[in-house]
Amino acid sequence: MSDDDADDASGTDDATAEPAFEAAEYVDGTITYPPHTVSPNGAERVGTVDLRAYEGRVLTWTTSTATPPGVREPNTLAIVEFDMGDDYDGPAVRALGQIAEREDGGGEAFDVDIGDRVEPVYADELREPGAGIREPESQDWDGFRFRPVEE
């Protein structure tokens, strides 16, 4: 199940030239996001899994209208649970993230509802680099947002 062979040393997938949405896989077969050195029950990490390869569903969502400096306002966030397949019997693999913006250029996030299928999409800036109090060079600004998948 490990995708280490498909990723190069920088954590990017050669086929798409985008970073992988990495979760950790452990010797006991469990998977966690965000990745950790050992699993919650102490198992050693053996590789990574790219969550872009799995279906995600919205468990819950909210829209924040009071966001930190440099974060879009309003900002819709969702907790997404990934379906890791019938053979996976470990704990649920979940991630919290922003909902992607519509592609019409208006800057408005897609509408989502509980149970909606979503996919992770790469964003080179999740927030404006110069808006916070930290030096922009000291932080990573990219990551993943979730976009609804057409049924």
N, C-alpha and C. Protein backbone atom coordinates (compact mmCIF):
# COMPACT_ATOMS: atom_id res chain seq x y z
N MET A 1 0.82 -1.19 0.00
CA MET A 1 0.00 0.00 0.00
C MET A 1 0.86 1.25 0.00
N SER A 2 2.12 1.13 0.22
CA SER A 2 3.00 2.28 0.31
C SER A 2 3.25 2.89 -1.06
N ASP A 3 3.24 4.20 -1.11
CA ASP A 3 3.48 4.93 -2.36
C ASP A 3 4.88 5.50 -2.42
N ASP A 4 5.78 5.04 -1.55
CA ASP A 4 7.13 5.59 -1.54
C ASP A 4 7.81 5.49 -2.89
N ASP A 5 7.55 4.40 -3.64
CA ASP A 5 8.21 4.21 -4.92
C ASP A 5 7.75 5.23 -5.95
N ALA A 6 6.51 5.74 -5.83
CA ALA A 6 5.99 6.69 -6.80
C ALA A 6 6.43 8.11 -6.51
N ASP A 7 6.93 8.37 -5.34
CA ASP A 7 7.34 9.71 -4.96
C ASP A 7 8.84 9.85 -5.01
N ASP A 8 9.31 11.01 -5.47
CA ASP A 8 10.74 11.23 -5.43
C ASP A 8 11.13 11.80 -4.07
N ALA A 9 12.38 12.14 -3.91
CA ALA A 9 12.91 12.58 -2.60
C ALA A 9 12.23 13.84 -2.09
N SER A 10 11.66 14.66 -2.98
CA SER A 10 11.02 15.90 -2.53
C SER A 10 9.56 15.70 -2.15
N GLY A 11 9.05 14.48 -2.26
CA GLY A 11 7.66 14.24 -1.91
C GLY A 11 6.70 14.62 -3.01
N THR A 12 7.19 14.77 -4.25
CA THR A 12 6.30 15.10 -5.35
C THR A 12 6.09 13.87 -6.21
N ASP A 13 4.92 13.79 -6.81
CA ASP A 13 4.55 12.71 -7.69
C ASP A 13 5.02 13.11 -9.08
N ASP A 14 5.85 12.27 -9.71
CA ASP A 14 6.41 12.61 -11.02
C ASP A 14 5.33 12.82 -12.08
N ALA A 15 4.21 12.09 -11.99
CA ALA A 15 3.17 12.17 -13.01
C ALA A 15 2.47 13.52 -12.99
N THR A 16 2.32 14.16 -11.84
CA THR A 16 1.57 15.41 -11.77
C THR A 16 2.42 16.60 -11.39
N ALA A 17 3.64 16.39 -10.95
CA ALA A 17 4.56 17.44 -10.50
C ALA A 17 3.99 18.22 -9.33
N GLU A 18 3.06 17.62 -8.59
CA GLU A 18 2.51 18.22 -7.38
C GLU A 18 2.93 17.38 -6.19
N PRO A 19 3.03 18.00 -5.02
CA PRO A 19 3.35 17.22 -3.83
C PRO A 19 2.25 16.20 -3.53
N ALA A 20 2.64 15.12 -2.90
CA ALA A 20 1.66 14.13 -2.47
C ALA A 20 0.95 14.65 -1.22
N PHE A 21 -0.28 14.21 -1.03
CA PHE A 21 -1.04 14.52 0.18
C PHE A 21 -0.77 13.35 1.13
N GLU A 22 0.37 13.44 1.83
CA GLU A 22 0.94 12.31 2.53
C GLU A 22 0.34 12.00 3.89
N ALA A 23 -0.03 10.74 4.03
CA ALA A 23 -0.38 10.16 5.32
C ALA A 23 0.72 9.12 5.60
N ALA A 24 0.86 8.73 6.85
CA ALA A 24 1.88 7.73 7.21
C ALA A 24 1.26 6.35 7.31
N GLU A 25 2.00 5.35 6.84
CA GLU A 25 1.60 3.95 6.98
C GLU A 25 2.57 3.29 7.95
N TYR A 26 2.04 2.44 8.82
CA TYR A 26 2.83 1.81 9.88
C TYR A 26 2.86 0.30 9.71
N VAL A 27 3.83 -0.33 10.36
CA VAL A 27 4.04 -1.77 10.24
C VAL A 27 2.81 -2.58 10.61
N ASP A 28 1.94 -2.07 11.46
CA ASP A 28 0.72 -2.79 11.85
C ASP A 28 -0.43 -2.58 10.87
N GLY A 29 -0.18 -1.84 9.76
CA GLY A 29 -1.19 -1.62 8.74
C GLY A 29 -2.03 -0.38 8.94
N THR A 30 -1.87 0.32 10.06
CA THR A 30 -2.65 1.53 10.28
C THR A 30 -2.08 2.69 9.48
N ILE A 31 -2.93 3.68 9.26
CA ILE A 31 -2.57 4.88 8.50
C ILE A 31 -3.05 6.08 9.30
N THR A 32 -2.21 7.13 9.39
CA THR A 32 -2.61 8.35 10.08
C THR A 32 -2.29 9.57 9.25
N TYR A 33 -3.13 10.57 9.43
CA TYR A 33 -2.86 11.90 8.90
C TYR A 33 -3.16 12.88 10.02
N PRO A 34 -2.27 13.82 10.28
CA PRO A 34 -0.98 13.99 9.64
C PRO A 34 -0.02 12.88 10.01
N PRO A 35 1.03 12.69 9.20
CA PRO A 35 1.97 11.60 9.46
C PRO A 35 2.79 11.85 10.73
N HIS A 36 3.10 10.76 11.42
CA HIS A 36 3.94 10.80 12.61
C HIS A 36 5.02 9.73 12.50
N THR A 37 6.03 9.80 13.33
CA THR A 37 7.13 8.83 13.32
C THR A 37 6.67 7.45 13.74
N VAL A 38 5.78 7.38 14.73
CA VAL A 38 5.21 6.11 15.17
C VAL A 38 3.69 6.26 15.22
N SER A 39 2.97 5.12 15.14
CA SER A 39 1.51 5.16 15.17
C SER A 39 1.03 5.44 16.58
N PRO A 40 -0.25 5.76 16.76
CA PRO A 40 -0.77 6.00 18.11
C PRO A 40 -0.57 4.82 19.06
N ASN A 41 -0.47 3.60 18.51
CA ASN A 41 -0.23 2.44 19.38
C ASN A 41 1.21 1.96 19.34
N GLY A 42 2.12 2.83 18.88
CA GLY A 42 3.56 2.56 18.97
C GLY A 42 4.19 1.83 17.81
N ALA A 43 3.47 1.55 16.74
CA ALA A 43 4.03 0.83 15.59
C ALA A 43 4.96 1.75 14.80
N GLU A 44 6.04 1.18 14.27
CA GLU A 44 7.01 1.94 13.47
C GLU A 44 6.43 2.32 12.11
N ARG A 45 6.81 3.48 11.65
CA ARG A 45 6.41 3.95 10.33
C ARG A 45 7.18 3.20 9.26
N VAL A 46 6.46 2.75 8.21
CA VAL A 46 7.12 2.01 7.13
C VAL A 46 7.01 2.70 5.77
N GLY A 47 6.20 3.75 5.67
CA GLY A 47 6.07 4.42 4.39
C GLY A 47 5.01 5.50 4.43
N THR A 48 4.64 5.93 3.23
CA THR A 48 3.62 6.96 3.11
C THR A 48 2.53 6.49 2.15
N VAL A 49 1.38 7.12 2.28
CA VAL A 49 0.24 6.86 1.41
C VAL A 49 -0.21 8.23 0.90
N ASP A 50 -0.45 8.34 -0.40
CA ASP A 50 -0.94 9.59 -0.98
C ASP A 50 -2.46 9.57 -0.93
N LEU A 51 -3.04 10.41 -0.09
CA LEU A 51 -4.49 10.42 0.10
C LEU A 51 -5.25 10.88 -1.14
N ARG A 52 -4.57 11.44 -2.13
CA ARG A 52 -5.25 11.83 -3.37
C ARG A 52 -5.83 10.60 -4.08
N ALA A 53 -5.32 9.42 -3.76
CA ALA A 53 -5.77 8.18 -4.41
C ALA A 53 -7.03 7.60 -3.78
N TYR A 54 -7.56 8.23 -2.73
CA TYR A 54 -8.70 7.68 -2.00
C TYR A 54 -9.87 8.65 -1.99
N GLU A 55 -11.08 8.08 -1.96
CA GLU A 55 -12.27 8.91 -1.90
C GLU A 55 -12.43 9.49 -0.52
N GLY A 56 -12.77 10.77 -0.45
CA GLY A 56 -13.05 11.44 0.81
C GLY A 56 -14.50 11.87 0.87
N ARG A 57 -15.04 11.89 2.07
CA ARG A 57 -16.42 12.36 2.29
C ARG A 57 -16.43 13.37 3.43
N VAL A 58 -17.23 14.41 3.27
CA VAL A 58 -17.35 15.45 4.29
C VAL A 58 -18.09 14.88 5.50
N LEU A 59 -17.44 14.92 6.67
CA LEU A 59 -18.11 14.52 7.92
C LEU A 59 -18.87 15.69 8.51
N THR A 60 -18.25 16.86 8.47
CA THR A 60 -18.87 18.09 8.95
C THR A 60 -18.11 19.26 8.35
N TRP A 61 -18.71 20.42 8.38
CA TRP A 61 -18.07 21.62 7.83
C TRP A 61 -18.56 22.85 8.57
N THR A 62 -17.82 23.92 8.42
CA THR A 62 -18.20 25.19 9.01
C THR A 62 -17.60 26.31 8.16
N THR A 63 -18.17 27.49 8.29
CA THR A 63 -17.61 28.66 7.62
C THR A 63 -17.21 29.67 8.68
N SER A 64 -15.93 30.03 8.67
CA SER A 64 -15.40 31.02 9.60
C SER A 64 -15.46 32.39 8.95
N THR A 65 -16.02 33.36 9.68
CA THR A 65 -16.08 34.73 9.17
C THR A 65 -15.08 35.64 9.87
N ALA A 66 -14.40 35.12 10.87
CA ALA A 66 -13.35 35.86 11.58
C ALA A 66 -12.07 35.05 11.45
N THR A 67 -11.33 35.32 10.39
CA THR A 67 -10.16 34.50 10.06
C THR A 67 -8.87 35.19 10.50
N PRO A 68 -7.78 34.40 10.65
CA PRO A 68 -6.49 35.00 10.96
C PRO A 68 -6.00 35.88 9.82
N PRO A 69 -5.04 36.75 10.08
CA PRO A 69 -4.50 37.60 9.02
C PRO A 69 -4.01 36.78 7.83
N GLY A 70 -4.41 37.21 6.64
CA GLY A 70 -3.96 36.57 5.42
C GLY A 70 -4.78 35.38 4.97
N VAL A 71 -5.77 34.95 5.76
CA VAL A 71 -6.63 33.84 5.39
C VAL A 71 -7.91 34.42 4.80
N ARG A 72 -8.37 33.83 3.71
CA ARG A 72 -9.56 34.36 3.04
C ARG A 72 -10.75 34.42 4.00
N GLU A 73 -11.60 35.38 3.76
CA GLU A 73 -12.78 35.57 4.61
C GLU A 73 -13.99 35.78 3.71
N PRO A 74 -15.03 34.97 3.86
CA PRO A 74 -15.17 33.85 4.78
C PRO A 74 -14.34 32.65 4.32
N ASN A 75 -14.09 31.73 5.24
CA ASN A 75 -13.24 30.57 4.98
C ASN A 75 -14.01 29.31 5.37
N THR A 76 -14.42 28.53 4.38
CA THR A 76 -15.14 27.28 4.65
C THR A 76 -14.14 26.16 4.86
N LEU A 77 -14.30 25.45 5.98
CA LEU A 77 -13.43 24.33 6.36
C LEU A 77 -14.28 23.07 6.50
N ALA A 78 -13.67 21.91 6.24
CA ALA A 78 -14.38 20.64 6.39
C ALA A 78 -13.47 19.61 7.03
N ILE A 79 -14.08 18.72 7.80
CA ILE A 79 -13.40 17.51 8.25
C ILE A 79 -13.81 16.43 7.26
N VAL A 80 -12.81 15.81 6.64
CA VAL A 80 -13.03 14.82 5.60
C VAL A 80 -12.50 13.47 6.08
N GLU A 81 -13.28 12.41 5.85
CA GLU A 81 -12.84 11.05 6.17
C GLU A 81 -12.60 10.31 4.86
N PHE A 82 -11.45 9.64 4.78
CA PHE A 82 -11.07 8.92 3.57
C PHE A 82 -11.46 7.46 3.67
N ASP A 83 -11.99 6.92 2.57
CA ASP A 83 -12.32 5.50 2.47
C ASP A 83 -11.05 4.78 2.03
N MET A 84 -10.43 4.06 2.95
CA MET A 84 -9.15 3.41 2.68
C MET A 84 -9.31 2.01 2.09
N GLY A 85 -10.53 1.61 1.79
CA GLY A 85 -10.77 0.33 1.15
C GLY A 85 -11.25 -0.73 2.12
N ASP A 86 -11.80 -1.80 1.57
CA ASP A 86 -12.38 -2.87 2.38
C ASP A 86 -11.34 -3.61 3.21
N ASP A 87 -10.10 -3.68 2.75
CA ASP A 87 -9.06 -4.42 3.47
C ASP A 87 -8.49 -3.64 4.66
N TYR A 88 -8.76 -2.37 4.72
CA TYR A 88 -8.24 -1.53 5.81
C TYR A 88 -9.13 -1.65 7.03
N ASP A 89 -8.55 -2.04 8.18
CA ASP A 89 -9.35 -2.16 9.40
C ASP A 89 -8.80 -1.31 10.53
N GLY A 90 -8.01 -0.30 10.20
CA GLY A 90 -7.45 0.59 11.21
C GLY A 90 -8.39 1.73 11.53
N PRO A 91 -7.91 2.67 12.33
CA PRO A 91 -8.74 3.83 12.69
C PRO A 91 -9.04 4.70 11.46
N ALA A 92 -10.11 5.46 11.55
CA ALA A 92 -10.50 6.35 10.45
C ALA A 92 -9.37 7.31 10.12
N VAL A 93 -9.19 7.58 8.83
CA VAL A 93 -8.19 8.53 8.37
C VAL A 93 -8.94 9.80 8.00
N ARG A 94 -8.69 10.86 8.75
CA ARG A 94 -9.42 12.12 8.58
C ARG A 94 -8.45 13.28 8.43
N ALA A 95 -8.92 14.32 7.77
CA ALA A 95 -8.13 15.54 7.61
C ALA A 95 -9.06 16.75 7.70
N LEU A 96 -8.53 17.82 8.24
CA LEU A 96 -9.22 19.11 8.29
C LEU A 96 -8.60 20.00 7.23
N GLY A 97 -9.44 20.65 6.44
CA GLY A 97 -8.89 21.53 5.43
C GLY A 97 -9.91 22.50 4.87
N GLN A 98 -9.39 23.47 4.14
CA GLN A 98 -10.24 24.46 3.48
C GLN A 98 -10.97 23.82 2.31
N ILE A 99 -12.13 24.36 1.99
CA ILE A 99 -12.84 23.98 0.78
C ILE A 99 -12.30 24.85 -0.36
N ALA A 100 -12.06 24.24 -1.50
CA ALA A 100 -11.49 24.94 -2.65
C ALA A 100 -12.44 26.03 -3.15
N GLU A 101 -11.84 26.99 -3.83
CA GLU A 101 -12.62 28.08 -4.43
C GLU A 101 -13.16 27.65 -5.79
N ARG A 102 -14.32 28.18 -6.12
CA ARG A 102 -14.91 27.94 -7.44
C ARG A 102 -13.95 28.46 -8.51
N GLU A 103 -14.04 27.88 -9.67
CA GLU A 103 -13.11 28.25 -10.74
C GLU A 103 -13.58 29.43 -11.58
N ASP A 104 -14.65 30.13 -11.15
CA ASP A 104 -15.18 31.25 -11.91
C ASP A 104 -14.43 32.56 -11.65
N GLY A 105 -13.42 32.52 -10.76
CA GLY A 105 -12.62 33.70 -10.48
C GLY A 105 -13.20 34.63 -9.44
N GLY A 106 -14.35 34.30 -8.87
CA GLY A 106 -14.99 35.16 -7.88
C GLY A 106 -14.44 35.01 -6.47
N GLY A 107 -13.60 34.00 -6.25
CA GLY A 107 -13.00 33.80 -4.93
C GLY A 107 -13.92 33.13 -3.93
N GLU A 108 -15.09 32.69 -4.35
CA GLU A 108 -16.04 32.07 -3.45
C GLU A 108 -15.80 30.56 -3.39
N ALA A 109 -15.89 30.00 -2.18
CA ALA A 109 -15.68 28.56 -1.99
C ALA A 109 -16.87 27.78 -2.53
N PHE A 110 -16.60 26.54 -2.95
CA PHE A 110 -17.68 25.63 -3.34
C PHE A 110 -18.62 25.42 -2.16
N ASP A 111 -19.85 25.11 -2.42
CA ASP A 111 -20.79 24.69 -1.39
C ASP A 111 -20.58 23.21 -1.12
N VAL A 112 -20.60 22.81 0.15
CA VAL A 112 -20.50 21.40 0.52
C VAL A 112 -21.55 21.09 1.56
N ASP A 113 -21.85 19.81 1.68
CA ASP A 113 -22.78 19.34 2.69
C ASP A 113 -22.24 18.04 3.27
N ILE A 114 -22.73 17.65 4.42
CA ILE A 114 -22.32 16.41 5.05
C ILE A 114 -22.59 15.26 4.10
N GLY A 115 -21.60 14.39 3.93
CA GLY A 115 -21.72 13.24 3.04
C GLY A 115 -21.23 13.47 1.63
N ASP A 116 -20.95 14.72 1.24
CA ASP A 116 -20.47 15.01 -0.11
C ASP A 116 -19.12 14.36 -0.34
N ARG A 117 -18.93 13.83 -1.55
CA ARG A 117 -17.62 13.32 -1.96
C ARG A 117 -16.73 14.50 -2.33
N VAL A 118 -15.48 14.47 -1.87
CA VAL A 118 -14.52 15.52 -2.19
C VAL A 118 -13.18 14.89 -2.53
N GLU A 119 -12.35 15.68 -3.21
CA GLU A 119 -10.99 15.24 -3.53
C GLU A 119 -10.02 16.33 -3.11
N PRO A 120 -8.83 15.92 -2.64
CA PRO A 120 -7.82 16.93 -2.30
C PRO A 120 -7.23 17.54 -3.57
N VAL A 121 -7.10 18.85 -3.57
CA VAL A 121 -6.46 19.56 -4.69
C VAL A 121 -5.37 20.46 -4.12
N TYR A 122 -4.25 20.49 -4.79
CA TYR A 122 -3.10 21.26 -4.34
C TYR A 122 -3.33 22.76 -4.51
N ALA A 123 -2.91 23.53 -3.51
CA ALA A 123 -2.96 25.00 -3.57
C ALA A 123 -1.57 25.52 -3.21
N ASP A 124 -1.01 26.37 -4.04
CA ASP A 124 0.35 26.86 -3.74
C ASP A 124 0.35 27.90 -2.63
N GLU A 125 -0.80 28.51 -2.32
CA GLU A 125 -0.91 29.45 -1.20
C GLU A 125 -2.24 29.24 -0.47
N LEU A 126 -2.18 28.76 0.76
CA LEU A 126 -3.38 28.62 1.58
C LEU A 126 -3.71 29.92 2.30
N ARG A 127 -2.71 30.79 2.40
CA ARG A 127 -2.90 32.11 2.98
C ARG A 127 -1.85 33.04 2.41
N GLU A 128 -2.05 34.31 2.58
CA GLU A 128 -1.14 35.32 2.05
C GLU A 128 0.15 35.33 2.88
N PRO A 129 1.30 35.09 2.25
CA PRO A 129 2.56 34.97 2.99
C PRO A 129 2.95 36.19 3.83
N GLY A 130 2.69 37.38 3.38
CA GLY A 130 3.15 38.57 4.10
C GLY A 130 2.22 39.08 5.18
N ALA A 131 1.08 38.44 5.38
CA ALA A 131 0.07 39.00 6.28
C ALA A 131 0.28 38.66 7.76
N GLY A 132 1.03 37.64 8.07
CA GLY A 132 1.20 37.24 9.46
C GLY A 132 2.33 37.99 10.14
N ILE A 133 2.62 37.60 11.38
CA ILE A 133 3.69 38.26 12.12
C ILE A 133 5.03 37.55 11.95
N ARG A 134 5.02 36.34 11.43
CA ARG A 134 6.26 35.60 11.19
C ARG A 134 6.86 35.98 9.85
N GLU A 135 8.15 35.76 9.73
CA GLU A 135 8.83 35.99 8.46
C GLU A 135 8.29 34.99 7.43
N PRO A 136 7.87 35.47 6.25
CA PRO A 136 7.31 34.57 5.24
C PRO A 136 8.23 33.40 4.87
N GLU A 137 9.54 33.63 4.89
CA GLU A 137 10.49 32.57 4.52
C GLU A 137 10.53 31.44 5.56
N SER A 138 10.02 31.69 6.76
CA SER A 138 10.08 30.70 7.82
C SER A 138 8.90 29.73 7.80
N GLN A 139 7.99 29.88 6.83
CA GLN A 139 6.78 29.06 6.81
C GLN A 139 6.54 28.45 5.45
N ASP A 140 5.78 27.36 5.45
CA ASP A 140 5.27 26.78 4.21
C ASP A 140 3.88 27.34 4.00
N TRP A 141 3.57 27.76 2.79
CA TRP A 141 2.30 28.40 2.51
C TRP A 141 1.39 27.53 1.65
N ASP A 142 1.93 26.44 1.13
CA ASP A 142 1.15 25.58 0.25
C ASP A 142 0.48 24.46 1.04
N GLY A 143 -0.39 23.74 0.37
CA GLY A 143 -1.08 22.62 1.00
C GLY A 143 -2.23 22.15 0.13
N PHE A 144 -3.20 21.52 0.75
CA PHE A 144 -4.32 20.97 0.01
C PHE A 144 -5.65 21.53 0.51
N ARG A 145 -6.54 21.72 -0.43
CA ARG A 145 -7.92 22.07 -0.16
C ARG A 145 -8.78 20.93 -0.69
N PHE A 146 -10.06 20.95 -0.36
CA PHE A 146 -10.96 19.91 -0.82
C PHE A 146 -11.96 20.49 -1.82
N ARG A 147 -12.12 19.77 -2.94
CA ARG A 147 -13.04 20.19 -3.99
C ARG A 147 -14.11 19.10 -4.16
N PRO A 148 -15.38 19.49 -4.26
CA PRO A 148 -16.44 18.50 -4.46
C PRO A 148 -16.22 17.70 -5.75
N VAL A 149 -16.60 16.42 -5.70
CA VAL A 149 -16.52 15.54 -6.86
C VAL A 149 -17.94 15.36 -7.38
N GLU A 150 -18.10 15.52 -8.67
CA GLU A 150 -19.42 15.34 -9.29
C GLU A 150 -19.84 13.89 -9.16
N GLU A 151 -21.09 13.67 -8.76
CA GLU A 151 -21.64 12.31 -8.62
C GLU A 151 -21.91 11.69 -9.96
